[in-house]
Amino acid sequence: RTTECAAFEARALEYLAYGELRAGRHGQARAHAEEGVRAALLAGHRNTAASHHAMLALAASIEGDTAAVAGYA
């Protein structure tokens, strides 16, 4: 996977993760966000990775997992 492809993948996964979260599919949202973090870091896009971490924290907070929220902070 090239850096450019990873950057596009990270952005696409960001939108997909938020859509899944809004639809109540928290598990899928987390999976997309975790892959998005990996793709964003591979591309060197720290801000996009931070956005994925924020989504992971939001999903954890909705599910009441305070330890996970603290881990993503």
PDB file of N, CA and C in Angstrom:
ATOM      1  N   ARG A   1       0.859  -1.175   0.000  1.00  0.00           N
ATOM      2  CA  ARG A   1       0.000   0.000   0.000  1.00  0.00           C
ATOM      3  C   ARG A   1       0.897   1.227   0.000  1.00  0.00           C
ATOM      4  N   THR A   2       0.624   2.169  -0.875  1.00  0.00           N
ATOM      5  CA  THR A   2       1.441   3.378  -0.928  1.00  0.00           C
ATOM      6  C   THR A   2       0.976   4.367   0.122  1.00  0.00           C
ATOM      7  N   THR A   3       1.818   5.337   0.389  1.00  0.00           N
ATOM      8  CA  THR A   3       1.469   6.370   1.367  1.00  0.00           C
ATOM      9  C   THR A   3       0.236   7.138   0.925  1.00  0.00           C
ATOM     10  N   GLU A   4       0.164   7.449  -0.368  1.00  0.00           N
ATOM     11  CA  GLU A   4      -0.989   8.187  -0.884  1.00  0.00           C
ATOM     12  C   GLU A   4      -2.272   7.377  -0.740  1.00  0.00           C
ATOM     13  N   CYS A   5      -2.210   6.100  -1.056  1.00  0.00           N
ATOM     14  CA  CYS A   5      -3.382   5.229  -0.901  1.00  0.00           C
ATOM     15  C   CYS A   5      -3.797   5.134   0.568  1.00  0.00           C
ATOM     16  N   ALA A   6      -2.825   5.034   1.453  1.00  0.00           N
ATOM     17  CA  ALA A   6      -3.124   4.963   2.887  1.00  0.00           C
ATOM     18  C   ALA A   6      -3.813   6.233   3.353  1.00  0.00           C
ATOM     19  N   ALA A   7      -3.398   7.377   2.819  1.00  0.00           N
ATOM     20  CA  ALA A   7      -4.022   8.648   3.201  1.00  0.00           C
ATOM     21  C   ALA A   7      -5.481   8.685   2.772  1.00  0.00           C
ATOM     22  N   PHE A   8      -5.760   8.260   1.533  1.00  0.00           N
ATOM     23  CA  PHE A   8      -7.146   8.226   1.059  1.00  0.00           C
ATOM     24  C   PHE A   8      -7.974   7.223   1.857  1.00  0.00           C
ATOM     25  N   GLU A   9      -7.380   6.080   2.149  1.00  0.00           N
ATOM     26  CA  GLU A   9      -8.074   5.055   2.927  1.00  0.00           C
ATOM     27  C   GLU A   9      -8.422   5.580   4.320  1.00  0.00           C
ATOM     28  N   ALA A  10      -7.488   6.268   4.942  1.00  0.00           N
ATOM     29  CA  ALA A  10      -7.721   6.801   6.287  1.00  0.00           C
ATOM     30  C   ALA A  10      -8.886   7.780   6.293  1.00  0.00           C
ATOM     31  N   ARG A  11      -8.950   8.649   5.289  1.00  0.00           N
ATOM     32  CA  ARG A  11     -10.047   9.623   5.227  1.00  0.00           C
ATOM     33  C   ARG A  11     -11.382   8.930   4.969  1.00  0.00           C
ATOM     34  N   ALA A  12     -11.389   7.955   4.067  1.00  0.00           N
ATOM     35  CA  ALA A  12     -12.628   7.230   3.782  1.00  0.00           C
ATOM     36  C   ALA A  12     -13.115   6.484   5.021  1.00  0.00           C
ATOM     37  N   LEU A  13     -12.192   5.863   5.735  1.00  0.00           N
ATOM     38  CA  LEU A  13     -12.559   5.138   6.951  1.00  0.00           C
ATOM     39  C   LEU A  13     -13.081   6.076   8.029  1.00  0.00           C
ATOM     40  N   GLU A  14     -12.600   7.309   8.038  1.00  0.00           N
ATOM     41  CA  GLU A  14     -13.086   8.298   9.006  1.00  0.00           C
ATOM     42  C   GLU A  14     -14.579   8.546   8.801  1.00  0.00           C
ATOM     43  N   TYR A  15     -14.981   8.788   7.562  1.00  0.00           N
ATOM     44  CA  TYR A  15     -16.398   9.012   7.266  1.00  0.00           C
ATOM     45  C   TYR A  15     -17.221   7.753   7.536  1.00  0.00           C
ATOM     46  N   LEU A  16     -16.692   6.618   7.157  1.00  0.00           N
ATOM     47  CA  LEU A  16     -17.396   5.355   7.362  1.00  0.00           C
ATOM     48  C   LEU A  16     -17.594   5.073   8.850  1.00  0.00           C
ATOM     49  N   ALA A  17     -16.576   5.303   9.647  1.00  0.00           N
ATOM     50  CA  ALA A  17     -16.670   5.050  11.088  1.00  0.00           C
ATOM     51  C   ALA A  17     -17.732   5.935  11.733  1.00  0.00           C
ATOM     52  N   TYR A  18     -17.750   7.226  11.379  1.00  0.00           N
ATOM     53  CA  TYR A  18     -18.762   8.107  11.963  1.00  0.00           C
ATOM     54  C   TYR A  18     -20.165   7.711  11.510  1.00  0.00           C
ATOM     55  N   GLY A  19     -20.308   7.288  10.270  1.00  0.00           N
ATOM     56  CA  GLY A  19     -21.611   6.827   9.795  1.00  0.00           C
ATOM     57  C   GLY A  19     -22.086   5.600  10.555  1.00  0.00           C
ATOM     58  N   GLU A  20     -21.186   4.665  10.765  1.00  0.00           N
ATOM     59  CA  GLU A  20     -21.530   3.459  11.525  1.00  0.00           C
ATOM     60  C   GLU A  20     -21.907   3.818  12.963  1.00  0.00           C
ATOM     61  N   LEU A  21     -21.176   4.743  13.549  1.00  0.00           N
ATOM     62  CA  LEU A  21     -21.472   5.152  14.921  1.00  0.00           C
ATOM     63  C   LEU A  21     -22.864   5.768  15.002  1.00  0.00           C
ATOM     64  N   ARG A  22     -23.189   6.653  14.067  1.00  0.00           N
ATOM     65  CA  ARG A  22     -24.509   7.289  14.069  1.00  0.00           C
ATOM     66  C   ARG A  22     -25.620   6.275  13.858  1.00  0.00           C
ATOM     67  N   ALA A  23     -25.315   5.208  13.125  1.00  0.00           N
ATOM     68  CA  ALA A  23     -26.318   4.173  12.864  1.00  0.00           C
ATOM     69  C   ALA A  23     -26.448   3.191  14.025  1.00  0.00           C
ATOM     70  N   GLY A  24     -25.621   3.369  15.057  1.00  0.00           N
ATOM     71  CA  GLY A  24     -25.696   2.497  16.223  1.00  0.00           C
ATOM     72  C   GLY A  24     -24.870   1.231  16.103  1.00  0.00           C
ATOM     73  N   ARG A  25     -24.071   1.134  15.064  1.00  0.00           N
ATOM     74  CA  ARG A  25     -23.226  -0.047  14.868  1.00  0.00           C
ATOM     75  C   ARG A  25     -21.836   0.241  15.431  1.00  0.00           C
ATOM     76  N   HIS A  26     -21.755   0.219  16.751  1.00  0.00           N
ATOM     77  CA  HIS A  26     -20.529   0.629  17.446  1.00  0.00           C
ATOM     78  C   HIS A  26     -19.348  -0.290  17.165  1.00  0.00           C
ATOM     79  N   GLY A  27     -19.594  -1.568  17.077  1.00  0.00           N
ATOM     80  CA  GLY A  27     -18.511  -2.510  16.790  1.00  0.00           C
ATOM     81  C   GLY A  27     -17.878  -2.250  15.434  1.00  0.00           C
ATOM     82  N   GLN A  28     -18.719  -2.024  14.420  1.00  0.00           N
ATOM     83  CA  GLN A  28     -18.199  -1.727  13.093  1.00  0.00           C
ATOM     84  C   GLN A  28     -17.473  -0.390  13.086  1.00  0.00           C
ATOM     85  N   ALA A  29     -18.019   0.584  13.816  1.00  0.00           N
ATOM     86  CA  ALA A  29     -17.380   1.901  13.892  1.00  0.00           C
ATOM     87  C   ALA A  29     -15.984   1.779  14.494  1.00  0.00           C
ATOM     88  N   ARG A  30     -15.872   1.003  15.565  1.00  0.00           N
ATOM     89  CA  ARG A  30     -14.556   0.807  16.188  1.00  0.00           C
ATOM     90  C   ARG A  30     -13.583   0.123  15.231  1.00  0.00           C
ATOM     91  N   ALA A  31     -14.058  -0.889  14.536  1.00  0.00           N
ATOM     92  CA  ALA A  31     -13.185  -1.614  13.601  1.00  0.00           C
ATOM     93  C   ALA A  31     -12.669  -0.688  12.503  1.00  0.00           C
ATOM     94  N   HIS A  32     -13.555   0.141  11.954  1.00  0.00           N
ATOM     95  CA  HIS A  32     -13.134   1.073  10.903  1.00  0.00           C
ATOM     96  C   HIS A  32     -12.171   2.115  11.459  1.00  0.00           C
ATOM     97  N   ALA A  33     -12.439   2.595  12.661  1.00  0.00           N
ATOM     98  CA  ALA A  33     -11.565   3.609  13.255  1.00  0.00           C
ATOM     99  C   ALA A  33     -10.193   3.033  13.589  1.00  0.00           C
ATOM    100  N   GLU A  34     -10.150   1.805  14.065  1.00  0.00           N
ATOM    101  CA  GLU A  34      -8.852   1.180  14.372  1.00  0.00           C
ATOM    102  C   GLU A  34      -8.019   1.020  13.104  1.00  0.00           C
ATOM    103  N   GLU A  35      -8.662   0.588  12.019  1.00  0.00           N
ATOM    104  CA  GLU A  35      -7.942   0.478  10.742  1.00  0.00           C
ATOM    105  C   GLU A  35      -7.563   1.871  10.232  1.00  0.00           C
ATOM    106  N   GLY A  36      -8.437   2.844  10.479  1.00  0.00           N
ATOM    107  CA  GLY A  36      -8.142   4.219  10.073  1.00  0.00           C
ATOM    108  C   GLY A  36      -6.933   4.790  10.782  1.00  0.00           C
ATOM    109  N   VAL A  37      -6.781   4.469  12.053  1.00  0.00           N
ATOM    110  CA  VAL A  37      -5.595   4.914  12.795  1.00  0.00           C
ATOM    111  C   VAL A  37      -4.341   4.351  12.135  1.00  0.00           C
ATOM    112  N   ARG A  38      -4.364   3.062  11.839  1.00  0.00           N
ATOM    113  CA  ARG A  38      -3.190   2.433  11.209  1.00  0.00           C
ATOM    114  C   ARG A  38      -2.867   3.077   9.857  1.00  0.00           C
ATOM    115  N   ALA A  39      -3.896   3.293   9.036  1.00  0.00           N
ATOM    116  CA  ALA A  39      -3.682   3.884   7.714  1.00  0.00           C
ATOM    117  C   ALA A  39      -3.181   5.320   7.833  1.00  0.00           C
ATOM    118  N   ALA A  40      -3.757   6.083   8.752  1.00  0.00           N
ATOM    119  CA  ALA A  40      -3.350   7.478   8.919  1.00  0.00           C
ATOM    120  C   ALA A  40      -1.903   7.577   9.381  1.00  0.00           C
ATOM    121  N   LEU A  41      -1.518   6.727  10.310  1.00  0.00           N
ATOM    122  CA  LEU A  41      -0.133   6.758  10.788  1.00  0.00           C
ATOM    123  C   LEU A  41       0.836   6.315   9.695  1.00  0.00           C
ATOM    124  N   LEU A  42       0.437   5.341   8.894  1.00  0.00           N
ATOM    125  CA  LEU A  42       1.267   4.901   7.776  1.00  0.00           C
ATOM    126  C   LEU A  42       1.485   6.047   6.786  1.00  0.00           C
ATOM    127  N   ALA A  43       0.440   6.854   6.592  1.00  0.00           N
ATOM    128  CA  ALA A  43       0.525   7.988   5.670  1.00  0.00           C
ATOM    129  C   ALA A  43       1.192   9.201   6.309  1.00  0.00           C
ATOM    130  N   GLY A  44       1.424   9.147   7.613  1.00  0.00           N
ATOM    131  CA  GLY A  44       2.020  10.280   8.305  1.00  0.00           C
ATOM    132  C   GLY A  44       1.032  11.395   8.608  1.00  0.00           C
ATOM    133  N   HIS A  45      -0.255  11.061   8.646  1.00  0.00           N
ATOM    134  CA  HIS A  45      -1.302  12.055   8.894  1.00  0.00           C
ATOM    135  C   HIS A  45      -1.762  11.967  10.349  1.00  0.00           C
ATOM    136  N   ARG A  46      -1.059  12.671  11.197  1.00  0.00           N
ATOM    137  CA  ARG A  46      -1.346  12.602  12.634  1.00  0.00           C
ATOM    138  C   ARG A  46      -2.714  13.176  12.985  1.00  0.00           C
ATOM    139  N   ASN A  47      -3.163  14.219  12.285  1.00  0.00           N
ATOM    140  CA  ASN A  47      -4.469  14.799  12.596  1.00  0.00           C
ATOM    141  C   ASN A  47      -5.601  13.830  12.269  1.00  0.00           C
ATOM    142  N   THR A  48      -5.471  13.120  11.169  1.00  0.00           N
ATOM    143  CA  THR A  48      -6.491  12.124  10.824  1.00  0.00           C
ATOM    144  C   THR A  48      -6.480  10.986  11.835  1.00  0.00           C
ATOM    145  N   ALA A  49      -5.296  10.581  12.267  1.00  0.00           N
ATOM    146  CA  ALA A  49      -5.200   9.547  13.303  1.00  0.00           C
ATOM    147  C   ALA A  49      -5.864  10.028  14.589  1.00  0.00           C
ATOM    148  N   ALA A  50      -5.667  11.299  14.929  1.00  0.00           N
ATOM    149  CA  ALA A  50      -6.292  11.857  16.134  1.00  0.00           C
ATOM    150  C   ALA A  50      -7.809  11.850  16.010  1.00  0.00           C
ATOM    151  N   SER A  51      -8.316  12.111  14.821  1.00  0.00           N
ATOM    152  CA  SER A  51      -9.761  12.072  14.604  1.00  0.00           C
ATOM    153  C   SER A  51     -10.300  10.659  14.818  1.00  0.00           C
ATOM    154  N   HIS A  52      -9.565   9.669  14.356  1.00  0.00           N
ATOM    155  CA  HIS A  52      -9.974   8.279  14.576  1.00  0.00           C
ATOM    156  C   HIS A  52      -9.919   7.925  16.065  1.00  0.00           C
ATOM    157  N   HIS A  53      -8.906   8.408  16.767  1.00  0.00           N
ATOM    158  CA  HIS A  53      -8.842   8.164  18.212  1.00  0.00           C
ATOM    159  C   HIS A  53     -10.035   8.806  18.920  1.00  0.00           C
ATOM    160  N   ALA A  54     -10.426  10.001  18.473  1.00  0.00           N
ATOM    161  CA  ALA A  54     -11.590  10.668  19.064  1.00  0.00           C
ATOM    162  C   ALA A  54     -12.853   9.847  18.830  1.00  0.00           C
ATOM    163  N   MET A  55     -12.983   9.264  17.641  1.00  0.00           N
ATOM    164  CA  MET A  55     -14.142   8.435  17.359  1.00  0.00           C
ATOM    165  C   MET A  55     -14.145   7.187  18.225  1.00  0.00           C
ATOM    166  N   LEU A  56     -12.967   6.602  18.436  1.00  0.00           N
ATOM    167  CA  LEU A  56     -12.864   5.437  19.317  1.00  0.00           C
ATOM    168  C   LEU A  56     -13.268   5.807  20.745  1.00  0.00           C
ATOM    169  N   ALA A  57     -12.853   6.971  21.207  1.00  0.00           N
ATOM    170  CA  ALA A  57     -13.229   7.431  22.547  1.00  0.00           C
ATOM    171  C   ALA A  57     -14.733   7.667  22.632  1.00  0.00           C
ATOM    172  N   LEU A  58     -15.301   8.252  21.596  1.00  0.00           N
ATOM    173  CA  LEU A  58     -16.738   8.508  21.578  1.00  0.00           C
ATOM    174  C   LEU A  58     -17.524   7.198  21.614  1.00  0.00           C
ATOM    175  N   ALA A  59     -17.113   6.228  20.811  1.00  0.00           N
ATOM    176  CA  ALA A  59     -17.794   4.926  20.816  1.00  0.00           C
ATOM    177  C   ALA A  59     -17.691   4.271  22.187  1.00  0.00           C
ATOM    178  N   ALA A  60     -16.521   4.351  22.800  1.00  0.00           N
ATOM    179  CA  ALA A  60     -16.338   3.768  24.136  1.00  0.00           C
ATOM    180  C   ALA A  60     -17.212   4.475  25.167  1.00  0.00           C
ATOM    181  N   SER A  61     -17.335   5.798  25.044  1.00  0.00           N
ATOM    182  CA  SER A  61     -18.152   6.535  26.018  1.00  0.00           C
ATOM    183  C   SER A  61     -19.625   6.186  25.868  1.00  0.00           C
ATOM    184  N   ILE A  62     -20.077   5.998  24.649  1.00  0.00           N
ATOM    185  CA  ILE A  62     -21.471   5.606  24.419  1.00  0.00           C
ATOM    186  C   ILE A  62     -21.744   4.244  25.051  1.00  0.00           C
ATOM    187  N   GLU A  63     -20.758   3.368  24.992  1.00  0.00           N
ATOM    188  CA  GLU A  63     -20.909   2.028  25.555  1.00  0.00           C
ATOM    189  C   GLU A  63     -20.601   1.981  27.047  1.00  0.00           C
ATOM    190  N   GLY A  64     -20.186   3.107  27.634  1.00  0.00           N
ATOM    191  CA  GLY A  64     -19.928   3.171  29.069  1.00  0.00           C
ATOM    192  C   GLY A  64     -18.594   2.601  29.498  1.00  0.00           C
ATOM    193  N   ASP A  65     -17.661   2.473  28.578  1.00  0.00           N
ATOM    194  CA  ASP A  65     -16.338   1.918  28.883  1.00  0.00           C
ATOM    195  C   ASP A  65     -15.379   3.058  29.230  1.00  0.00           C
ATOM    196  N   THR A  66     -15.400   3.482  30.486  1.00  0.00           N
ATOM    197  CA  THR A  66     -14.598   4.641  30.894  1.00  0.00           C
ATOM    198  C   THR A  66     -13.099   4.375  30.812  1.00  0.00           C
ATOM    199  N   ALA A  67     -12.685   3.144  31.027  1.00  0.00           N
ATOM    200  CA  ALA A  67     -11.257   2.825  30.925  1.00  0.00           C
ATOM    201  C   ALA A  67     -10.767   3.008  29.491  1.00  0.00           C
ATOM    202  N   ALA A  68     -11.568   2.574  28.524  1.00  0.00           N
ATOM    203  CA  ALA A  68     -11.187   2.742  27.118  1.00  0.00           C
ATOM    204  C   ALA A  68     -11.173   4.215  26.740  1.00  0.00           C
ATOM    205  N   VAL A  69     -12.151   4.974  27.232  1.00  0.00           N
ATOM    206  CA  VAL A  69     -12.181   6.415  26.952  1.00  0.00           C
ATOM    207  C   VAL A  69     -10.890   7.056  27.434  1.00  0.00           C
ATOM    208  N   ALA A  70     -10.482   6.729  28.648  1.00  0.00           N
ATOM    209  CA  ALA A  70      -9.244   7.290  29.202  1.00  0.00           C
ATOM    210  C   ALA A  70      -8.036   6.867  28.375  1.00  0.00           C
ATOM    211  N   GLY A  71      -8.060   5.667  27.852  1.00  0.00           N
ATOM    212  CA  GLY A  71      -6.952   5.183  27.033  1.00  0.00           C
ATOM    213  C   GLY A  71      -6.815   5.920  25.717  1.00  0.00           C
ATOM    214  N   TYR A  72      -7.922   6.403  25.171  1.00  0.00           N
ATOM    215  CA  TYR A  72      -7.881   7.130  23.904  1.00  0.00           C
ATOM    216  C   TYR A  72      -7.649   8.618  24.099  1.00  0.00           C
ATOM    217  N   ALA A  73      -7.731   9.088  25.329  1.00  0.00           N
ATOM    218  CA  ALA A  73      -7.573  10.529  25.587  1.00  0.00           C
ATOM    219  C   ALA A  73      -6.141  10.971  25.412  1.00  0.00           C
TER     220      ALA A  73
END
